[in-house]
PDB file of all heavy atoms in Angstrom:
ATOM      1  N   GLY A   1     -90.000  11.571 134.663  1.00  0.00           N
ATOM      2  CA  GLY A   1     -89.783  10.141 134.512  1.00  0.00           C
ATOM      3  C   GLY A   1     -88.505   9.852 133.771  1.00  0.00           C
ATOM      4  O   GLY A   1     -88.126  10.575 132.848  1.00  0.00           O
ATOM      5  N   GLY A   2     -87.800   8.780 134.158  1.00  0.00           N
ATOM      6  CA  GLY A   2     -86.629   8.333 133.415  1.00  0.00           C
ATOM      7  C   GLY A   2     -87.043   7.493 132.225  1.00  0.00           C
ATOM      8  O   GLY A   2     -88.166   7.002 132.134  1.00  0.00           O
ATOM      9  N   GLY A   3     -86.131   7.300 131.295  1.00  0.00           N
ATOM     10  CA  GLY A   3     -86.466   6.602 130.057  1.00  0.00           C
ATOM     11  C   GLY A   3     -86.922   5.176 130.266  1.00  0.00           C
ATOM     12  O   GLY A   3     -87.897   4.750 129.688  1.00  0.00           O
ATOM     13  N   GLY A   4     -86.249   4.392 131.095  1.00  0.00           N
ATOM     14  CA  GLY A   4     -86.615   2.985 131.206  1.00  0.00           C
ATOM     15  C   GLY A   4     -87.036   2.564 132.583  1.00  0.00           C
ATOM     16  O   GLY A   4     -87.239   1.401 132.837  1.00  0.00           O
ATOM     17  N   GLY A   5     -87.149   3.533 133.517  1.00  0.00           N
ATOM     18  CA  GLY A   5     -87.588   3.214 134.856  1.00  0.00           C
ATOM     19  C   GLY A   5     -86.492   2.658 135.730  1.00  0.00           C
ATOM     20  O   GLY A   5     -86.730   2.324 136.882  1.00  0.00           O
ATOM     21  N   GLU A   6     -85.250   2.522 135.215  1.00  0.00           N
ATOM     22  CA  GLU A   6     -84.138   2.028 136.007  1.00  0.00           C
ATOM     23  C   GLU A   6     -83.394   3.209 136.649  1.00  0.00           C
ATOM     24  O   GLU A   6     -83.491   4.349 136.182  1.00  0.00           O
ATOM     25  CB  GLU A   6     -83.178   1.228 135.133  1.00  0.00           C
ATOM     26  CG  GLU A   6     -83.807   0.024 134.450  1.00  0.00           C
ATOM     27  CD  GLU A   6     -84.264  -1.037 135.415  1.00  0.00           C
ATOM     28  OE1 GLU A   6     -83.647  -1.129 136.500  1.00  0.00           O
ATOM     29  OE2 GLU A   6     -85.219  -1.752 135.112  1.00  0.00           O
ATOM     30  N   THR A   7     -82.655   2.943 137.697  1.00  0.00           N
ATOM     31  CA  THR A   7     -81.868   3.969 138.372  1.00  0.00           C
ATOM     32  C   THR A   7     -80.466   3.998 137.799  1.00  0.00           C
ATOM     33  O   THR A   7     -79.801   2.968 137.713  1.00  0.00           O
ATOM     34  CB  THR A   7     -81.803   3.697 139.893  1.00  0.00           C
ATOM     35  OG1 THR A   7     -83.133   3.687 140.418  1.00  0.00           O
ATOM     36  CG2 THR A   7     -80.980   4.763 140.589  1.00  0.00           C
ATOM     37  N   MET A   8     -79.992   5.172 137.395  1.00  0.00           N
ATOM     38  CA  MET A   8     -78.617   5.320 136.942  1.00  0.00           C
ATOM     39  C   MET A   8     -77.723   5.566 138.155  1.00  0.00           C
ATOM     40  O   MET A   8     -78.109   6.263 139.096  1.00  0.00           O
ATOM     41  CB  MET A   8     -78.499   6.478 135.945  1.00  0.00           C
ATOM     42  CG  MET A   8     -77.082   6.696 135.441  1.00  0.00           C
ATOM     43  SD  MET A   8     -76.979   8.028 134.238  1.00  0.00           S
ATOM     44  CE  MET A   8     -77.626   7.195 132.798  1.00  0.00           C
ATOM     45  N   GLN A   9     -76.517   4.990 138.117  1.00  0.00           N
ATOM     46  CA  GLN A   9     -75.575   5.149 139.220  1.00  0.00           C
ATOM     47  C   GLN A   9     -74.209   5.573 138.702  1.00  0.00           C
ATOM     48  O   GLN A   9     -73.862   5.326 137.539  1.00  0.00           O
ATOM     49  CB  GLN A   9     -75.435   3.842 140.010  1.00  0.00           C
ATOM     50  CG  GLN A   9     -76.697   3.420 140.748  1.00  0.00           C
ATOM     51  CD  GLN A   9     -76.455   2.175 141.565  1.00  0.00           C
ATOM     52  OE1 GLN A   9     -75.817   1.230 141.119  1.00  0.00           O
ATOM     53  NE2 GLN A   9     -76.960   2.177 142.787  1.00  0.00           N
ATOM     54  N   VAL A  10     -73.445   6.195 139.567  1.00  0.00           N
ATOM     55  CA  VAL A  10     -72.059   6.550 139.280  1.00  0.00           C
ATOM     56  C   VAL A  10     -71.212   6.107 140.469  1.00  0.00           C
ATOM     57  O   VAL A  10     -71.655   6.144 141.608  1.00  0.00           O
ATOM     58  CB  VAL A  10     -71.918   8.075 139.021  1.00  0.00           C
ATOM     59  CG1 VAL A  10     -72.327   8.876 140.239  1.00  0.00           C
ATOM     60  CG2 VAL A  10     -70.524   8.433 138.546  1.00  0.00           C
ATOM     61  N   ASN A  11     -69.984   5.654 140.174  1.00  0.00           N
ATOM     62  CA  ASN A  11     -69.109   5.165 141.232  1.00  0.00           C
ATOM     63  C   ASN A  11     -68.180   6.286 141.692  1.00  0.00           C
ATOM     64  O   ASN A  11     -67.421   6.841 140.902  1.00  0.00           O
ATOM     65  CB  ASN A  11     -68.286   3.966 140.723  1.00  0.00           C
ATOM     66  CG  ASN A  11     -67.555   3.272 141.854  1.00  0.00           C
ATOM     67  OD1 ASN A  11     -66.614   3.821 142.408  1.00  0.00           O
ATOM     68  ND2 ASN A  11     -68.000   2.075 142.189  1.00  0.00           N
ATOM     69  N   ILE A  12     -68.273   6.606 142.973  1.00  0.00           N
ATOM     70  CA  ILE A  12     -67.418   7.632 143.586  1.00  0.00           C
ATOM     71  C   ILE A  12     -66.702   7.002 144.771  1.00  0.00           C
ATOM     72  O   ILE A  12     -67.343   6.633 145.763  1.00  0.00           O
ATOM     73  CB  ILE A  12     -68.241   8.850 144.047  1.00  0.00           C
ATOM     74  CG1 ILE A  12     -69.015   9.456 142.863  1.00  0.00           C
ATOM     75  CG2 ILE A  12     -67.341   9.903 144.684  1.00  0.00           C
ATOM     76  CD1 ILE A  12     -69.962  10.555 143.250  1.00  0.00           C
ATOM     77  N   GLY A  13     -65.371   6.845 144.640  1.00  0.00           N
ATOM     78  CA  GLY A  13     -64.598   6.256 145.737  1.00  0.00           C
ATOM     79  C   GLY A  13     -65.055   4.867 146.101  1.00  0.00           C
ATOM     80  O   GLY A  13     -65.199   4.536 147.291  1.00  0.00           O
ATOM     81  N   ASP A  14     -65.280   4.014 145.075  1.00  0.00           N
ATOM     82  CA  ASP A  14     -65.759   2.644 145.268  1.00  0.00           C
ATOM     83  C   ASP A  14     -67.130   2.570 145.922  1.00  0.00           C
ATOM     84  O   ASP A  14     -67.510   1.544 146.505  1.00  0.00           O
ATOM     85  CB  ASP A  14     -64.751   1.810 146.094  1.00  0.00           C
ATOM     86  CG  ASP A  14     -63.523   1.458 145.281  1.00  0.00           C
ATOM     87  OD1 ASP A  14     -63.619   1.427 144.017  1.00  0.00           O
ATOM     88  OD2 ASP A  14     -62.472   1.214 145.894  1.00  0.00           O
ATOM     89  N   ASP A  15     -67.892   3.667 145.845  1.00  0.00           N
ATOM     90  CA  ASP A  15     -69.250   3.680 146.407  1.00  0.00           C
ATOM     91  C   ASP A  15     -70.210   4.098 145.294  1.00  0.00           C
ATOM     92  O   ASP A  15     -70.066   5.178 144.714  1.00  0.00           O
ATOM     93  CB  ASP A  15     -69.322   4.662 147.584  1.00  0.00           C
ATOM     94  CG  ASP A  15     -70.653   4.579 148.323  1.00  0.00           C
ATOM     95  OD1 ASP A  15     -71.403   3.600 148.115  1.00  0.00           O
ATOM     96  OD2 ASP A  15     -70.943   5.496 149.107  1.00  0.00           O
ATOM     97  N   TRP A  16     -71.197   3.251 144.986  1.00  0.00           N
ATOM     98  CA  TRP A  16     -72.142   3.567 143.931  1.00  0.00           C
ATOM     99  C   TRP A  16     -73.217   4.505 144.454  1.00  0.00           C
ATOM    100  O   TRP A  16     -73.847   4.245 145.479  1.00  0.00           O
ATOM    101  CB  TRP A  16     -72.788   2.285 143.381  1.00  0.00           C
ATOM    102  CG  TRP A  16     -71.832   1.492 142.526  1.00  0.00           C
ATOM    103  CD1 TRP A  16     -71.072   0.428 142.910  1.00  0.00           C
ATOM    104  CD2 TRP A  16     -71.512   1.755 141.162  1.00  0.00           C
ATOM    105  NE1 TRP A  16     -70.300  -0.010 141.872  1.00  0.00           N
ATOM    106  CE2 TRP A  16     -70.557   0.776 140.770  1.00  0.00           C
ATOM    107  CE3 TRP A  16     -71.943   2.674 140.213  1.00  0.00           C
ATOM    108  CZ2 TRP A  16     -70.025   0.729 139.489  1.00  0.00           C
ATOM    109  CZ3 TRP A  16     -71.416   2.621 138.937  1.00  0.00           C
ATOM    110  CH2 TRP A  16     -70.474   1.659 138.585  1.00  0.00           C
ATOM    111  N   LYS A  17     -73.415   5.599 143.725  1.00  0.00           N
ATOM    112  CA  LYS A  17     -74.397   6.614 144.109  1.00  0.00           C
ATOM    113  C   LYS A  17     -75.494   6.686 143.043  1.00  0.00           C
ATOM    114  O   LYS A  17     -75.217   6.716 141.840  1.00  0.00           O
ATOM    115  CB  LYS A  17     -73.739   7.999 144.228  1.00  0.00           C
ATOM    116  CG  LYS A  17     -72.566   8.052 145.203  1.00  0.00           C
ATOM    117  CD  LYS A  17     -73.046   7.997 146.631  1.00  0.00           C
ATOM    118  CE  LYS A  17     -71.895   8.259 147.604  1.00  0.00           C
ATOM    119  NZ  LYS A  17     -72.335   8.197 149.012  1.00  0.00           N
ATOM    120  N   ASP A  18     -76.764   6.732 143.501  1.00  0.00           N
ATOM    121  CA  ASP A  18     -77.875   6.905 142.570  1.00  0.00           C
ATOM    122  C   ASP A  18     -77.868   8.319 142.005  1.00  0.00           C
ATOM    123  O   ASP A  18     -77.583   9.295 142.707  1.00  0.00           O
ATOM    124  CB  ASP A  18     -79.215   6.673 143.269  1.00  0.00           C
ATOM    125  CG  ASP A  18     -79.445   5.209 143.606  1.00  0.00           C
ATOM    126  OD1 ASP A  18     -78.712   4.359 143.073  1.00  0.00           O
ATOM    127  OD2 ASP A  18     -80.361   4.936 144.407  1.00  0.00           O
ATOM    128  N   ILE A  19     -78.213   8.427 140.714  1.00  0.00           N
ATOM    129  CA  ILE A  19     -78.384   9.722 140.068  1.00  0.00           C
ATOM    130  C   ILE A  19     -79.866   9.902 139.782  1.00  0.00           C
ATOM    131  O   ILE A  19     -80.471   9.111 139.066  1.00  0.00           O
ATOM    132  CB  ILE A  19     -77.588   9.802 138.745  1.00  0.00           C
ATOM    133  CG1 ILE A  19     -76.096   9.637 139.016  1.00  0.00           C
ATOM    134  CG2 ILE A  19     -77.868  11.121 138.032  1.00  0.00           C
ATOM    135  CD1 ILE A  19     -75.269   9.590 137.747  1.00  0.00           C
ATOM    136  N   SER A  20     -80.465  10.939 140.374  1.00  0.00           N
ATOM    137  CA  SER A  20     -81.903  11.160 140.198  1.00  0.00           C
ATOM    138  C   SER A  20     -82.223  11.940 138.935  1.00  0.00           C
ATOM    139  O   SER A  20     -83.365  12.007 138.499  1.00  0.00           O
ATOM    140  CB  SER A  20     -82.475  11.911 141.403  1.00  0.00           C
ATOM    141  OG  SER A  20     -81.824  13.156 141.568  1.00  0.00           O
ATOM    142  N   GLY A  21     -81.204  12.549 138.308  1.00  0.00           N
ATOM    143  CA  GLY A  21     -81.431  13.320 137.100  1.00  0.00           C
ATOM    144  C   GLY A  21     -80.120  13.627 136.416  1.00  0.00           C
ATOM    145  O   GLY A  21     -79.054  13.548 137.030  1.00  0.00           O
ATOM    146  N   ALA A  22     -80.155  13.955 135.148  1.00  0.00           N
ATOM    147  CA  ALA A  22     -78.943  14.275 134.404  1.00  0.00           C
ATOM    148  C   ALA A  22     -79.233  15.397 133.429  1.00  0.00           C
ATOM    149  O   ALA A  22     -80.358  15.553 132.955  1.00  0.00           O
ATOM    150  CB  ALA A  22     -78.442  13.034 133.657  1.00  0.00           C
ATOM    151  N   GLN A  23     -78.198  16.201 133.136  1.00  0.00           N
ATOM    152  CA  GLN A  23     -78.330  17.296 132.185  1.00  0.00           C
ATOM    153  C   GLN A  23     -77.126  17.308 131.253  1.00  0.00           C
ATOM    154  O   GLN A  23     -76.054  16.802 131.591  1.00  0.00           O
ATOM    155  CB  GLN A  23     -78.430  18.644 132.908  1.00  0.00           C
ATOM    156  CG  GLN A  23     -79.707  18.828 133.716  1.00  0.00           C
ATOM    157  CD  GLN A  23     -79.790  20.215 134.315  1.00  0.00           C
ATOM    158  OE1 GLN A  23     -78.802  20.790 134.750  1.00  0.00           O
ATOM    159  NE2 GLN A  23     -80.995  20.766 134.334  1.00  0.00           N
ATOM    160  N   ILE A  24     -77.327  17.878 130.065  1.00  0.00           N
ATOM    161  CA  ILE A  24     -76.249  18.031 129.106  1.00  0.00           C
ATOM    162  C   ILE A  24     -76.263  19.473 128.620  1.00  0.00           C
ATOM    163  O   ILE A  24     -77.321  20.090 128.485  1.00  0.00           O
ATOM    164  CB  ILE A  24     -76.413  17.044 127.921  1.00  0.00           C
ATOM    165  CG1 ILE A  24     -75.209  17.103 126.992  1.00  0.00           C
ATOM    166  CG2 ILE A  24     -77.710  17.302 127.171  1.00  0.00           C
ATOM    167  CD1 ILE A  24     -75.219  16.004 125.927  1.00  0.00           C
ATOM    168  N   ASN A  25     -75.060  20.025 128.387  1.00  0.00           N
ATOM    169  CA  ASN A  25     -74.954  21.421 127.966  1.00  0.00           C
ATOM    170  C   ASN A  25     -74.862  21.495 126.442  1.00  0.00           C
ATOM    171  O   ASN A  25     -73.967  20.930 125.832  1.00  0.00           O
ATOM    172  CB  ASN A  25     -73.727  22.082 128.598  1.00  0.00           C
ATOM    173  CG  ASN A  25     -73.705  23.581 128.383  1.00  0.00           C
ATOM    174  OD1 ASN A  25     -73.505  24.048 127.273  1.00  0.00           O
ATOM    175  ND2 ASN A  25     -73.913  24.334 129.454  1.00  0.00           N
ATOM    176  N   ILE A  26     -75.836  22.191 125.841  1.00  0.00           N
ATOM    177  CA  ILE A  26     -75.863  22.384 124.395  1.00  0.00           C
ATOM    178  C   ILE A  26     -75.945  23.886 124.129  1.00  0.00           C
ATOM    179  O   ILE A  26     -76.933  24.526 124.475  1.00  0.00           O
ATOM    180  CB  ILE A  26     -77.063  21.662 123.746  1.00  0.00           C
ATOM    181  CG1 ILE A  26     -77.021  20.158 124.058  1.00  0.00           C
ATOM    182  CG2 ILE A  26     -77.088  21.901 122.241  1.00  0.00           C
ATOM    183  CD1 ILE A  26     -78.248  19.407 123.595  1.00  0.00           C
ATOM    184  N   GLY A  27     -74.887  24.433 123.559  1.00  0.00           N
ATOM    185  CA  GLY A  27     -74.892  25.866 123.258  1.00  0.00           C
ATOM    186  C   GLY A  27     -75.049  26.731 124.485  1.00  0.00           C
ATOM    187  O   GLY A  27     -75.788  27.719 124.466  1.00  0.00           O
ATOM    188  N   ASP A  28     -74.353  26.347 125.552  1.00  0.00           N
ATOM    189  CA  ASP A  28     -74.419  27.083 126.831  1.00  0.00           C
ATOM    190  C   ASP A  28     -75.796  27.053 127.485  1.00  0.00           C
ATOM    191  O   ASP A  28     -76.106  27.881 128.341  1.00  0.00           O
ATOM    192  CB  ASP A  28     -73.972  28.543 126.652  1.00  0.00           C
ATOM    193  CG  ASP A  28     -72.469  28.672 126.466  1.00  0.00           C
ATOM    194  OD1 ASP A  28     -71.728  27.750 126.888  1.00  0.00           O
ATOM    195  OD2 ASP A  28     -72.036  29.672 125.918  1.00  0.00           O
ATOM    196  N   VAL A  29     -76.646  26.109 127.092  1.00  0.00           N
ATOM    197  CA  VAL A  29     -77.944  25.913 127.724  1.00  0.00           C
ATOM    198  C   VAL A  29     -78.014  24.486 128.247  1.00  0.00           C
ATOM    199  O   VAL A  29     -77.755  23.534 127.506  1.00  0.00           O
ATOM    200  CB  VAL A  29     -79.099  26.157 126.728  1.00  0.00           C
ATOM    201  CG1 VAL A  29     -80.443  25.868 127.394  1.00  0.00           C
ATOM    202  CG2 VAL A  29     -79.068  27.587 126.207  1.00  0.00           C
ATOM    203  N   TRP A  30     -78.327  24.339 129.542  1.00  0.00           N
ATOM    204  CA  TRP A  30     -78.419  23.009 130.138  1.00  0.00           C
ATOM    205  C   TRP A  30     -79.781  22.400 129.826  1.00  0.00           C
ATOM    206  O   TRP A  30     -80.817  23.004 130.063  1.00  0.00           O
ATOM    207  CB  TRP A  30     -78.197  23.074 131.650  1.00  0.00           C
ATOM    208  CG  TRP A  30     -76.761  23.300 132.001  1.00  0.00           C
ATOM    209  CD1 TRP A  30     -76.156  24.473 132.315  1.00  0.00           C
ATOM    210  CD2 TRP A  30     -75.741  22.297 132.049  1.00  0.00           C
ATOM    211  NE1 TRP A  30     -74.820  24.283 132.551  1.00  0.00           N
ATOM    212  CE2 TRP A  30     -74.530  22.951 132.391  1.00  0.00           C
ATOM    213  CE3 TRP A  30     -75.717  20.924 131.815  1.00  0.00           C
ATOM    214  CZ2 TRP A  30     -73.327  22.267 132.529  1.00  0.00           C
ATOM    215  CZ3 TRP A  30     -74.521  20.243 131.947  1.00  0.00           C
ATOM    216  CH2 TRP A  30     -73.339  20.921 132.304  1.00  0.00           C
ATOM    217  N   LYS A  31     -79.781  21.175 129.284  1.00  0.00           N
ATOM    218  CA  LYS A  31     -80.980  20.453 128.920  1.00  0.00           C
ATOM    219  C   LYS A  31     -81.109  19.203 129.781  1.00  0.00           C
ATOM    220  O   LYS A  31     -80.124  18.485 130.008  1.00  0.00           O
ATOM    221  CB  LYS A  31     -80.938  20.025 127.440  1.00  0.00           C
ATOM    222  CG  LYS A  31     -80.739  21.170 126.449  1.00  0.00           C
ATOM    223  CD  LYS A  31     -81.978  22.016 126.319  1.00  0.00           C
ATOM    224  CE  LYS A  31     -81.823  23.025 125.195  1.00  0.00           C
ATOM    225  NZ  LYS A  31     -83.041  23.854 125.032  1.00  0.00           N
ATOM    226  N   VAL A  32     -82.334  18.947 130.273  1.00  0.00           N
ATOM    227  CA  VAL A  32     -82.576  17.751 131.074  1.00  0.00           C
ATOM    228  C   VAL A  32     -82.560  16.516 130.187  1.00  0.00           C
ATOM    229  O   VAL A  32     -83.177  16.498 129.116  1.00  0.00           O
ATOM    230  CB  VAL A  32     -83.925  17.849 131.809  1.00  0.00           C
ATOM    231  CG1 VAL A  32     -84.252  16.541 132.517  1.00  0.00           C
ATOM    232  CG2 VAL A  32     -83.897  18.992 132.809  1.00  0.00           C
ATOM    233  N   VAL A  33     -81.814  15.490 130.610  1.00  0.00           N
ATOM    234  CA  VAL A  33     -81.770  14.204 129.911  1.00  0.00           C
ATOM    235  C   VAL A  33     -82.864  13.322 130.494  1.00  0.00           C
ATOM    236  O   VAL A  33     -82.859  13.007 131.680  1.00  0.00           O
ATOM    237  CB  VAL A  33     -80.398  13.529 130.076  1.00  0.00           C
ATOM    238  CG1 VAL A  33     -80.401  12.149 129.404  1.00  0.00           C
ATOM    239  CG2 VAL A  33     -79.295  14.402 129.512  1.00  0.00           C
ATOM    240  N   SER A  34     -83.853  12.962 129.664  1.00  0.00           N
ATOM    241  CA  SER A  34     -84.989  12.183 130.156  1.00  0.00           C
ATOM    242  C   SER A  34     -84.772  10.681 130.041  1.00  0.00           C
ATOM    243  O   SER A  34     -85.547   9.901 130.576  1.00  0.00           O
ATOM    244  CB  SER A  34     -86.263  12.579 129.400  1.00  0.00           C
ATOM    245  OG  SER A  34     -86.106  12.342 128.024  1.00  0.00           O
ATOM    246  N   GLY A  35     -83.715  10.249 129.330  1.00  0.00           N
ATOM    247  CA  GLY A  35     -83.448   8.824 129.204  1.00  0.00           C
ATOM    248  C   GLY A  35     -82.119   8.577 128.519  1.00  0.00           C
ATOM    249  O   GLY A  35     -81.563   9.469 127.868  1.00  0.00           O
ATOM    250  N   VAL A  36     -81.567   7.373 128.719  1.00  0.00           N
ATOM    251  CA  VAL A  36     -80.278   7.012 128.139  1.00  0.00           C
ATOM    252  C   VAL A  36     -80.419   5.661 127.441  1.00  0.00           C
ATOM    253  O   VAL A  36     -81.053   4.745 127.972  1.00  0.00           O
ATOM    254  CB  VAL A  36     -79.178   6.923 129.223  1.00  0.00           C
ATOM    255  CG1 VAL A  36     -77.861   6.472 128.615  1.00  0.00           C
ATOM    256  CG2 VAL A  36     -79.010   8.269 129.921  1.00  0.00           C
ATOM    257  N   GLN A  37     -79.844   5.539 126.228  1.00  0.00           N
ATOM    258  CA  GLN A  37     -79.870   4.287 125.496  1.00  0.00           C
ATOM    259  C   GLN A  37     -78.454   3.902 125.066  1.00  0.00           C
ATOM    260  O   GLN A  37     -77.595   4.769 124.887  1.00  0.00           O
ATOM    261  CB  GLN A  37     -80.761   4.400 124.247  1.00  0.00           C
ATOM    262  CG  GLN A  37     -82.243   4.594 124.544  1.00  0.00           C
ATOM    263  CD  GLN A  37     -83.063   4.622 123.272  1.00  0.00           C
ATOM    264  OE1 GLN A  37     -82.675   5.241 122.292  1.00  0.00           O
ATOM    265  NE2 GLN A  37     -84.205   3.949 123.273  1.00  0.00           N
ATOM    266  N   ILE A  38     -78.237   2.588 124.894  1.00  0.00           N
ATOM    267  CA  ILE A  38     -76.997   2.077 124.316  1.00  0.00           C
ATOM    268  C   ILE A  38     -77.353   1.145 123.161  1.00  0.00           C
ATOM    269  O   ILE A  38     -78.447   0.567 123.128  1.00  0.00           O
ATOM    270  CB  ILE A  38     -76.122   1.336 125.353  1.00  0.00           C
ATOM    271  CG1 ILE A  38     -76.857   0.135 125.938  1.00  0.00           C
ATOM    272  CG2 ILE A  38     -75.643   2.277 126.447  1.00  0.00           C
ATOM    273  CD1 ILE A  38     -75.979  -0.721 126.835  1.00  0.00           C
ATOM    274  N   ASN A  39     -76.416   1.018 122.212  1.00  0.00           N
ATOM    275  CA  ASN A  39     -76.657   0.178 121.048  1.00  0.00           C
ATOM    276  C   ASN A  39     -75.977  -1.177 121.242  1.00  0.00           C
ATOM    277  O   ASN A  39     -74.765  -1.250 121.434  1.00  0.00           O
ATOM    278  CB  ASN A  39     -76.119   0.859 119.773  1.00  0.00           C
ATOM    279  CG  ASN A  39     -76.549   0.141 118.515  1.00  0.00           C
ATOM    280  OD1 ASN A  39     -76.067  -0.946 118.232  1.00  0.00           O
ATOM    281  ND2 ASN A  39     -77.442   0.761 117.763  1.00  0.00           N
TER     282      ASN A  39
END
C-alpha cells in the first residue's frame, strides 16, 4: 500500500507516467518507500 492512496507520477518527455513503487538506496541496500510526505 502507498502512504496516502494517491498515485505518484513523473514527467517524461511531457508525458506523465504513474509510478507503482519507489525505492531509496541506504548503505548500498535498496529500501522500498511506502509513502511520501511534504511539509
